[in-house]
Amino acid sequence: EVHILIITDEHPMDLYEVQDYCKKLGLERAMAFDG
């Protein structure tokens, strides 16, 4: 299944933090679009 994360200005992240967050969600693969 597809999981989309819209990380708003209320909780900004760098991509290392995004990677940690995706791991906590148990995602198997993930990538960024323009942000």
ModelCIF file with pLDDT and N, C-alpha, C, O atoms, coordinates in Angstrom:
data_MODEL
#
_entry.id   MODEL 
#
_entity.id                         1 
_entity.type                       polymer 
_entity.pdbx_number_of_molecules   1 
#
_entity_poly.entity_id                      1 
_entity_poly.type                           'polypeptide(L)' 
_entity_poly.nstd_linkage                   no 
_entity_poly.nstd_monomer                   no 
_entity_poly.pdbx_seq_one_letter_code       EVHILIITDEHPMDLYEVQDYCKKLGLERAMAFDG 
_entity_poly.pdbx_seq_one_letter_code_can   EVHILIITDEHPMDLYEVQDYCKKLGLERAMAFDG 
_entity_poly.pdbx_strand_id                 A 
#
loop_
_entity_poly_seq.entity_id 
_entity_poly_seq.num 
_entity_poly_seq.mon_id 
_entity_poly_seq.hetero 
1 1  GLU n 
1 2  VAL n 
1 3  HIS n 
1 4  ILE n 
1 5  LEU n 
1 6  ILE n 
1 7  ILE n 
1 8  THR n 
1 9  ASP n 
1 10 GLU n 
1 11 HIS n 
1 12 PRO n 
1 13 MET n 
1 14 ASP n 
1 15 LEU n 
1 16 TYR n 
1 17 GLU n 
1 18 VAL n 
1 19 GLN n 
1 20 ASP n 
1 21 TYR n 
1 22 CYS n 
1 23 LYS n 
1 24 LYS n 
1 25 LEU n 
1 26 GLY n 
1 27 LEU n 
1 28 GLU n 
1 29 ARG n 
1 30 ALA n 
1 31 MET n 
1 32 ALA n 
1 33 PHE n 
1 34 ASP n 
1 35 GLY n 
#
_struct_asym.id          A 
_struct_asym.entity_id   1 
#
loop_
_ma_qa_metric.id 
_ma_qa_metric.mode 
_ma_qa_metric.name 
_ma_qa_metric.software_group_id 
_ma_qa_metric.type 
1 global pLDDT . pLDDT 
2 local  pLDDT . pLDDT 
#
_ma_qa_metric_global.metric_id      1 
_ma_qa_metric_global.metric_value   97.69 
_ma_qa_metric_global.model_id       1 
_ma_qa_metric_global.ordinal_id     1 
#
loop_
_ma_qa_metric_local.label_asym_id 
_ma_qa_metric_local.label_comp_id 
_ma_qa_metric_local.label_seq_id 
_ma_qa_metric_local.metric_id 
_ma_qa_metric_local.metric_value 
_ma_qa_metric_local.model_id 
_ma_qa_metric_local.ordinal_id 
A GLU 1  2 98.00 1 1  
A VAL 2  2 98.00 1 2  
A HIS 3  2 98.00 1 3  
A ILE 4  2 98.00 1 4  
A LEU 5  2 98.00 1 5  
A ILE 6  2 98.00 1 6  
A ILE 7  2 98.00 1 7  
A THR 8  2 97.00 1 8  
A ASP 9  2 95.00 1 9  
A GLU 10 2 96.00 1 10 
A HIS 11 2 96.00 1 11 
A PRO 12 2 97.00 1 12 
A MET 13 2 98.00 1 13 
A ASP 14 2 98.00 1 14 
A LEU 15 2 98.00 1 15 
A TYR 16 2 98.00 1 16 
A GLU 17 2 98.00 1 17 
A VAL 18 2 98.00 1 18 
A GLN 19 2 98.00 1 19 
A ASP 20 2 98.00 1 20 
A TYR 21 2 98.00 1 21 
A CYS 22 2 98.00 1 22 
A LYS 23 2 98.00 1 23 
A LYS 24 2 98.00 1 24 
A LEU 25 2 98.00 1 25 
A GLY 26 2 98.00 1 26 
A LEU 27 2 98.00 1 27 
A GLU 28 2 98.00 1 28 
A ARG 29 2 98.00 1 29 
A ALA 30 2 98.00 1 30 
A MET 31 2 98.00 1 31 
A ALA 32 2 98.00 1 32 
A PHE 33 2 98.00 1 33 
A ASP 34 2 98.00 1 34 
A GLY 35 2 96.00 1 35 
#
loop_
_atom_site.group_PDB 
_atom_site.id 
_atom_site.type_symbol 
_atom_site.label_atom_id 
_atom_site.label_alt_id 
_atom_site.label_comp_id 
_atom_site.label_asym_id 
_atom_site.label_entity_id 
_atom_site.label_seq_id 
_atom_site.pdbx_PDB_ins_code 
_atom_site.Cartn_x 
_atom_site.Cartn_y 
_atom_site.Cartn_z 
_atom_site.occupancy 
_atom_site.B_iso_or_equiv 
_atom_site.pdbx_formal_charge 
_atom_site.auth_seq_id 
_atom_site.auth_comp_id 
_atom_site.auth_asym_id 
_atom_site.auth_atom_id 
_atom_site.pdbx_PDB_model_num 
ATOM 1   N N  . GLU A 1 1  ? 0.834  -1.196 0.000  1.00 98.00 ? 1  GLU A N  1 
ATOM 2   C CA . GLU A 1 1  ? 0.000  0.000  0.000  1.00 98.00 ? 1  GLU A CA 1 
ATOM 3   C C  . GLU A 1 1  ? 0.876  1.255  0.000  1.00 98.00 ? 1  GLU A C  1 
ATOM 4   O O  . GLU A 1 1  ? 2.013  1.247  0.472  1.00 98.00 ? 1  GLU A O  1 
ATOM 5   N N  . VAL A 1 2  ? 0.305  2.332  -0.545 1.00 98.00 ? 2  VAL A N  1 
ATOM 6   C CA . VAL A 1 2  ? 1.016  3.607  -0.625 1.00 98.00 ? 2  VAL A CA 1 
ATOM 7   C C  . VAL A 1 2  ? 0.800  4.405  0.658  1.00 98.00 ? 2  VAL A C  1 
ATOM 8   O O  . VAL A 1 2  ? -0.317 4.518  1.164  1.00 98.00 ? 2  VAL A O  1 
ATOM 9   N N  . HIS A 1 3  ? 1.893  4.947  1.162  1.00 98.00 ? 3  HIS A N  1 
ATOM 10  C CA . HIS A 1 3  ? 1.846  5.845  2.316  1.00 98.00 ? 3  HIS A CA 1 
ATOM 11  C C  . HIS A 1 3  ? 2.425  7.190  1.887  1.00 98.00 ? 3  HIS A C  1 
ATOM 12  O O  . HIS A 1 3  ? 3.550  7.258  1.392  1.00 98.00 ? 3  HIS A O  1 
ATOM 13  N N  . ILE A 1 4  ? 1.660  8.246  2.075  1.00 98.00 ? 4  ILE A N  1 
ATOM 14  C CA . ILE A 1 4  ? 2.101  9.602  1.741  1.00 98.00 ? 4  ILE A CA 1 
ATOM 15  C C  . ILE A 1 4  ? 2.250  10.395 3.041  1.00 98.00 ? 4  ILE A C  1 
ATOM 16  O O  . ILE A 1 4  ? 1.353  10.397 3.885  1.00 98.00 ? 4  ILE A O  1 
ATOM 17  N N  . LEU A 1 5  ? 3.377  11.059 3.188  1.00 98.00 ? 5  LEU A N  1 
ATOM 18  C CA . LEU A 1 5  ? 3.597  11.923 4.339  1.00 98.00 ? 5  LEU A CA 1 
ATOM 19  C C  . LEU A 1 5  ? 3.694  13.366 3.861  1.00 98.00 ? 5  LEU A C  1 
ATOM 20  O O  . LEU A 1 5  ? 4.557  13.704 3.050  1.00 98.00 ? 5  LEU A O  1 
ATOM 21  N N  . ILE A 1 6  ? 2.824  14.194 4.358  1.00 98.00 ? 6  ILE A N  1 
ATOM 22  C CA . ILE A 1 6  ? 2.910  15.635 4.127  1.00 98.00 ? 6  ILE A CA 1 
ATOM 23  C C  . ILE A 1 6  ? 3.390  16.243 5.446  1.00 98.00 ? 6  ILE A C  1 
ATOM 24  O O  . ILE A 1 6  ? 2.612  16.439 6.379  1.00 98.00 ? 6  ILE A O  1 
ATOM 25  N N  . ILE A 1 7  ? 4.668  16.531 5.495  1.00 98.00 ? 7  ILE A N  1 
ATOM 26  C CA . ILE A 1 7  ? 5.303  17.054 6.700  1.00 98.00 ? 7  ILE A CA 1 
ATOM 27  C C  . ILE A 1 7  ? 5.255  18.576 6.614  1.00 98.00 ? 7  ILE A C  1 
ATOM 28  O O  . ILE A 1 7  ? 5.966  19.179 5.810  1.00 98.00 ? 7  ILE A O  1 
ATOM 29  N N  . THR A 1 8  ? 4.430  19.184 7.429  1.00 97.00 ? 8  THR A N  1 
ATOM 30  C CA . THR A 1 8  ? 4.151  20.611 7.296  1.00 97.00 ? 8  THR A CA 1 
ATOM 31  C C  . THR A 1 8  ? 5.195  21.459 8.028  1.00 97.00 ? 8  THR A C  1 
ATOM 32  O O  . THR A 1 8  ? 6.099  20.946 8.688  1.00 97.00 ? 8  THR A O  1 
ATOM 33  N N  . ASP A 1 9  ? 5.034  22.762 7.884  1.00 95.00 ? 9  ASP A N  1 
ATOM 34  C CA . ASP A 1 9  ? 5.916  23.711 8.566  1.00 95.00 ? 9  ASP A CA 1 
ATOM 35  C C  . ASP A 1 9  ? 5.791  23.642 10.084 1.00 95.00 ? 9  ASP A C  1 
ATOM 36  O O  . ASP A 1 9  ? 6.635  24.173 10.805 1.00 95.00 ? 9  ASP A O  1 
ATOM 37  N N  . GLU A 1 10 ? 4.733  22.984 10.571 1.00 96.00 ? 10 GLU A N  1 
ATOM 38  C CA . GLU A 1 10 ? 4.575  22.819 12.017 1.00 96.00 ? 10 GLU A CA 1 
ATOM 39  C C  . GLU A 1 10 ? 5.602  21.845 12.593 1.00 96.00 ? 10 GLU A C  1 
ATOM 40  O O  . GLU A 1 10 ? 5.935  21.914 13.776 1.00 96.00 ? 10 GLU A O  1 
ATOM 41  N N  . HIS A 1 11 ? 6.105  20.931 11.746 1.00 96.00 ? 11 HIS A N  1 
ATOM 42  C CA . HIS A 1 11 ? 7.058  19.919 12.207 1.00 96.00 ? 11 HIS A CA 1 
ATOM 43  C C  . HIS A 1 11 ? 8.112  19.674 11.118 1.00 96.00 ? 11 HIS A C  1 
ATOM 44  O O  . HIS A 1 11 ? 8.211  18.559 10.607 1.00 96.00 ? 11 HIS A O  1 
ATOM 45  N N  . PRO A 1 12 ? 8.890  20.684 10.760 1.00 97.00 ? 12 PRO A N  1 
ATOM 46  C CA . PRO A 1 12 ? 9.857  20.521 9.664  1.00 97.00 ? 12 PRO A CA 1 
ATOM 47  C C  . PRO A 1 12 ? 10.941 19.502 10.008 1.00 97.00 ? 12 PRO A C  1 
ATOM 48  O O  . PRO A 1 12 ? 11.311 19.341 11.170 1.00 97.00 ? 12 PRO A O  1 
ATOM 49  N N  . MET A 1 13 ? 11.440 18.820 8.983  1.00 98.00 ? 13 MET A N  1 
ATOM 50  C CA . MET A 1 13 ? 12.443 17.778 9.174  1.00 98.00 ? 13 MET A CA 1 
ATOM 51  C C  . MET A 1 13 ? 13.519 17.859 8.102  1.00 98.00 ? 13 MET A C  1 
ATOM 52  O O  . MET A 1 13 ? 13.250 18.272 6.974  1.00 98.00 ? 13 MET A O  1 
ATOM 53  N N  . ASP A 1 14 ? 14.752 17.460 8.460  1.00 98.00 ? 14 ASP A N  1 
ATOM 54  C CA . ASP A 1 14 ? 15.746 17.177 7.432  1.00 98.00 ? 14 ASP A CA 1 
ATOM 55  C C  . ASP A 1 14 ? 15.543 15.727 6.999  1.00 98.00 ? 14 ASP A C  1 
ATOM 56  O O  . ASP A 1 14 ? 14.748 15.005 7.600  1.00 98.00 ? 14 ASP A O  1 
ATOM 57  N N  . LEU A 1 15 ? 16.253 15.302 5.965  1.00 98.00 ? 15 LEU A N  1 
ATOM 58  C CA . LEU A 1 15 ? 15.973 13.973 5.417  1.00 98.00 ? 15 LEU A CA 1 
ATOM 59  C C  . LEU A 1 15 ? 16.483 12.838 6.296  1.00 98.00 ? 15 LEU A C  1 
ATOM 60  O O  . LEU A 1 15 ? 15.997 11.713 6.178  1.00 98.00 ? 15 LEU A O  1 
ATOM 61  N N  . TYR A 1 16 ? 17.432 13.097 7.159  1.00 98.00 ? 16 TYR A N  1 
ATOM 62  C CA . TYR A 1 16 ? 17.836 12.068 8.123  1.00 98.00 ? 16 TYR A CA 1 
ATOM 63  C C  . TYR A 1 16 ? 16.713 11.830 9.134  1.00 98.00 ? 16 TYR A C  1 
ATOM 64  O O  . TYR A 1 16 ? 16.453 10.690 9.520  1.00 98.00 ? 16 TYR A O  1 
ATOM 65  N N  . GLU A 1 17 ? 16.058 12.893 9.554  1.00 98.00 ? 17 GLU A N  1 
ATOM 66  C CA . GLU A 1 17 ? 14.912 12.758 10.453 1.00 98.00 ? 17 GLU A CA 1 
ATOM 67  C C  . GLU A 1 17 ? 13.742 12.082 9.745  1.00 98.00 ? 17 GLU A C  1 
ATOM 68  O O  . GLU A 1 17 ? 13.020 11.282 10.341 1.00 98.00 ? 17 GLU A O  1 
ATOM 69  N N  . VAL A 1 18 ? 13.563 12.408 8.475  1.00 98.00 ? 18 VAL A N  1 
ATOM 70  C CA . VAL A 1 18 ? 12.510 11.752 7.696  1.00 98.00 ? 18 VAL A CA 1 
ATOM 71  C C  . VAL A 1 18 ? 12.772 10.253 7.608  1.00 98.00 ? 18 VAL A C  1 
ATOM 72  O O  . VAL A 1 18 ? 11.850 9.450  7.752  1.00 98.00 ? 18 VAL A O  1 
ATOM 73  N N  . GLN A 1 19 ? 14.017 9.877  7.376  1.00 98.00 ? 19 GLN A N  1 
ATOM 74  C CA . GLN A 1 19 ? 14.349 8.455  7.303  1.00 98.00 ? 19 GLN A CA 1 
ATOM 75  C C  . GLN A 1 19 ? 14.013 7.747  8.609  1.00 98.00 ? 19 GLN A C  1 
ATOM 76  O O  . GLN A 1 19 ? 13.433 6.661  8.591  1.00 98.00 ? 19 GLN A O  1 
ATOM 77  N N  . ASP A 1 20 ? 14.369 8.345  9.738  1.00 98.00 ? 20 ASP A N  1 
ATOM 78  C CA . ASP A 1 20 ? 14.047 7.749  11.043 1.00 98.00 ? 20 ASP A CA 1 
ATOM 79  C C  . ASP A 1 20 ? 12.536 7.617  11.222 1.00 98.00 ? 20 ASP A C  1 
ATOM 80  O O  . ASP A 1 20 ? 12.055 6.610  11.741 1.00 98.00 ? 20 ASP A O  1 
ATOM 81  N N  . TYR A 1 21 ? 11.796 8.630  10.794 1.00 98.00 ? 21 TYR A N  1 
ATOM 82  C CA . TYR A 1 21 ? 10.334 8.607  10.939 1.00 98.00 ? 21 TYR A CA 1 
ATOM 83  C C  . TYR A 1 21 ? 9.733  7.494  10.071 1.00 98.00 ? 21 TYR A C  1 
ATOM 84  O O  . TYR A 1 21 ? 8.824  6.787  10.506 1.00 98.00 ? 21 TYR A O  1 
ATOM 85  N N  . CYS A 1 22 ? 10.241 7.344  8.853  1.00 98.00 ? 22 CYS A N  1 
ATOM 86  C CA . CYS A 1 22 ? 9.740  6.286  7.956  1.00 98.00 ? 22 CYS A CA 1 
ATOM 87  C C  . CYS A 1 22 ? 10.037 4.901  8.529  1.00 98.00 ? 22 CYS A C  1 
ATOM 88  O O  . CYS A 1 22 ? 9.226  3.985  8.390  1.00 98.00 ? 22 CYS A O  1 
ATOM 89  N N  . LYS A 1 23 ? 11.187 4.746  9.166  1.00 98.00 ? 23 LYS A N  1 
ATOM 90  C CA . LYS A 1 23 ? 11.521 3.462  9.795  1.00 98.00 ? 23 LYS A CA 1 
ATOM 91  C C  . LYS A 1 23 ? 10.554 3.154  10.925 1.00 98.00 ? 23 LYS A C  1 
ATOM 92  O O  . LYS A 1 23 ? 10.131 2.009  11.082 1.00 98.00 ? 23 LYS A O  1 
ATOM 93  N N  . LYS A 1 24 ? 10.195 4.170  11.722 1.00 98.00 ? 24 LYS A N  1 
ATOM 94  C CA . LYS A 1 24 ? 9.259  3.971  12.823 1.00 98.00 ? 24 LYS A CA 1 
ATOM 95  C C  . LYS A 1 24 ? 7.892  3.540  12.314 1.00 98.00 ? 24 LYS A C  1 
ATOM 96  O O  . LYS A 1 24 ? 7.187  2.783  12.981 1.00 98.00 ? 24 LYS A O  1 
ATOM 97  N N  . LEU A 1 25 ? 7.518  4.021  11.131 1.00 98.00 ? 25 LEU A N  1 
ATOM 98  C CA . LEU A 1 25 ? 6.233  3.634  10.526 1.00 98.00 ? 25 LEU A CA 1 
ATOM 99  C C  . LEU A 1 25 ? 6.291  2.245  9.896  1.00 98.00 ? 25 LEU A C  1 
ATOM 100 O O  . LEU A 1 25 ? 5.264  1.692  9.505  1.00 98.00 ? 25 LEU A O  1 
ATOM 101 N N  . GLY A 1 26 ? 7.487  1.689  9.800  1.00 98.00 ? 26 GLY A N  1 
ATOM 102 C CA . GLY A 1 26 ? 7.636  0.359  9.207  1.00 98.00 ? 26 GLY A CA 1 
ATOM 103 C C  . GLY A 1 26 ? 7.594  0.349  7.694  1.00 98.00 ? 26 GLY A C  1 
ATOM 104 O O  . GLY A 1 26 ? 7.335  -0.692 7.091  1.00 98.00 ? 26 GLY A O  1 
ATOM 105 N N  . LEU A 1 27 ? 7.847  1.499  7.063  1.00 98.00 ? 27 LEU A N  1 
ATOM 106 C CA . LEU A 1 27 ? 7.845  1.532  5.601  1.00 98.00 ? 27 LEU A CA 1 
ATOM 107 C C  . LEU A 1 27 ? 8.997  0.694  5.062  1.00 98.00 ? 27 LEU A C  1 
ATOM 108 O O  . LEU A 1 27 ? 10.088 0.668  5.632  1.00 98.00 ? 27 LEU A O  1 
ATOM 109 N N  . GLU A 1 28 ? 8.736  0.017  3.962  1.00 98.00 ? 28 GLU A N  1 
ATOM 110 C CA . GLU A 1 28 ? 9.759  -0.833 3.351  1.00 98.00 ? 28 GLU A CA 1 
ATOM 111 C C  . GLU A 1 28 ? 10.616 -0.046 2.366  1.00 98.00 ? 28 GLU A C  1 
ATOM 112 O O  . GLU A 1 28 ? 11.827 -0.248 2.276  1.00 98.00 ? 28 GLU A O  1 
ATOM 113 N N  . ARG A 1 29 ? 9.974  0.847  1.636  1.00 98.00 ? 29 ARG A N  1 
ATOM 114 C CA . ARG A 1 29 ? 10.666 1.744  0.710  1.00 98.00 ? 29 ARG A CA 1 
ATOM 115 C C  . ARG A 1 29 ? 10.055 3.128  0.843  1.00 98.00 ? 29 ARG A C  1 
ATOM 116 O O  . ARG A 1 29 ? 8.874  3.275  1.159  1.00 98.00 ? 29 ARG A O  1 
ATOM 117 N N  . ALA A 1 30 ? 10.875 4.140  0.597  1.00 98.00 ? 30 ALA A N  1 
ATOM 118 C CA . ALA A 1 30 ? 10.364 5.503  0.659  1.00 98.00 ? 30 ALA A CA 1 
ATOM 119 C C  . ALA A 1 30 ? 11.268 6.411  -0.157 1.00 98.00 ? 30 ALA A C  1 
ATOM 120 O O  . ALA A 1 30 ? 12.452 6.130  -0.342 1.00 98.00 ? 30 ALA A O  1 
ATOM 121 N N  . MET A 1 31 ? 10.696 7.499  -0.640 1.00 98.00 ? 31 MET A N  1 
ATOM 122 C CA . MET A 1 31 ? 11.438 8.482  -1.416 1.00 98.00 ? 31 MET A CA 1 
ATOM 123 C C  . MET A 1 31 ? 10.806 9.852  -1.197 1.00 98.00 ? 31 MET A C  1 
ATOM 124 O O  . MET A 1 31 ? 9.684  9.966  -0.702 1.00 98.00 ? 31 MET A O  1 
ATOM 125 N N  . ALA A 1 32 ? 11.542 10.874 -1.572 1.00 98.00 ? 32 ALA A N  1 
ATOM 126 C CA . ALA A 1 32 ? 11.035 12.242 -1.461 1.00 98.00 ? 32 ALA A CA 1 
ATOM 127 C C  . ALA A 1 32 ? 10.563 12.744 -2.819 1.00 98.00 ? 32 ALA A C  1 
ATOM 128 O O  . ALA A 1 32 ? 11.127 12.400 -3.857 1.00 98.00 ? 32 ALA A O  1 
ATOM 129 N N  . PHE A 1 33 ? 9.527  13.556 -2.790 1.00 98.00 ? 33 PHE A N  1 
ATOM 130 C CA . PHE A 1 33 ? 9.201  14.422 -3.913 1.00 98.00 ? 33 PHE A CA 1 
ATOM 131 C C  . PHE A 1 33 ? 9.748  15.810 -3.576 1.00 98.00 ? 33 PHE A C  1 
ATOM 132 O O  . PHE A 1 33 ? 10.390 15.990 -2.541 1.00 98.00 ? 33 PHE A O  1 
ATOM 133 N N  . ASP A 1 34 ? 9.502  16.772 -4.430 1.00 98.00 ? 34 ASP A N  1 
ATOM 134 C CA . ASP A 1 34 ? 9.907  18.140 -4.141 1.00 98.00 ? 34 ASP A CA 1 
ATOM 135 C C  . ASP A 1 34 ? 9.283  18.557 -2.805 1.00 98.00 ? 34 ASP A C  1 
ATOM 136 O O  . ASP A 1 34 ? 8.154  18.176 -2.495 1.00 98.00 ? 34 ASP A O  1 
ATOM 137 N N  . GLY A 1 35 ? 10.023 19.339 -2.024 1.00 96.00 ? 35 GLY A N  1 
ATOM 138 C CA . GLY A 1 35 ? 9.533  19.714 -0.703 1.00 96.00 ? 35 GLY A CA 1 
ATOM 139 C C  . GLY A 1 35 ? 9.663  21.202 -0.456 1.00 96.00 ? 35 GLY A C  1 
ATOM 140 O O  . GLY A 1 35 ? 9.294  21.684 0.614  1.00 96.00 ? 35 GLY A O  1 
#
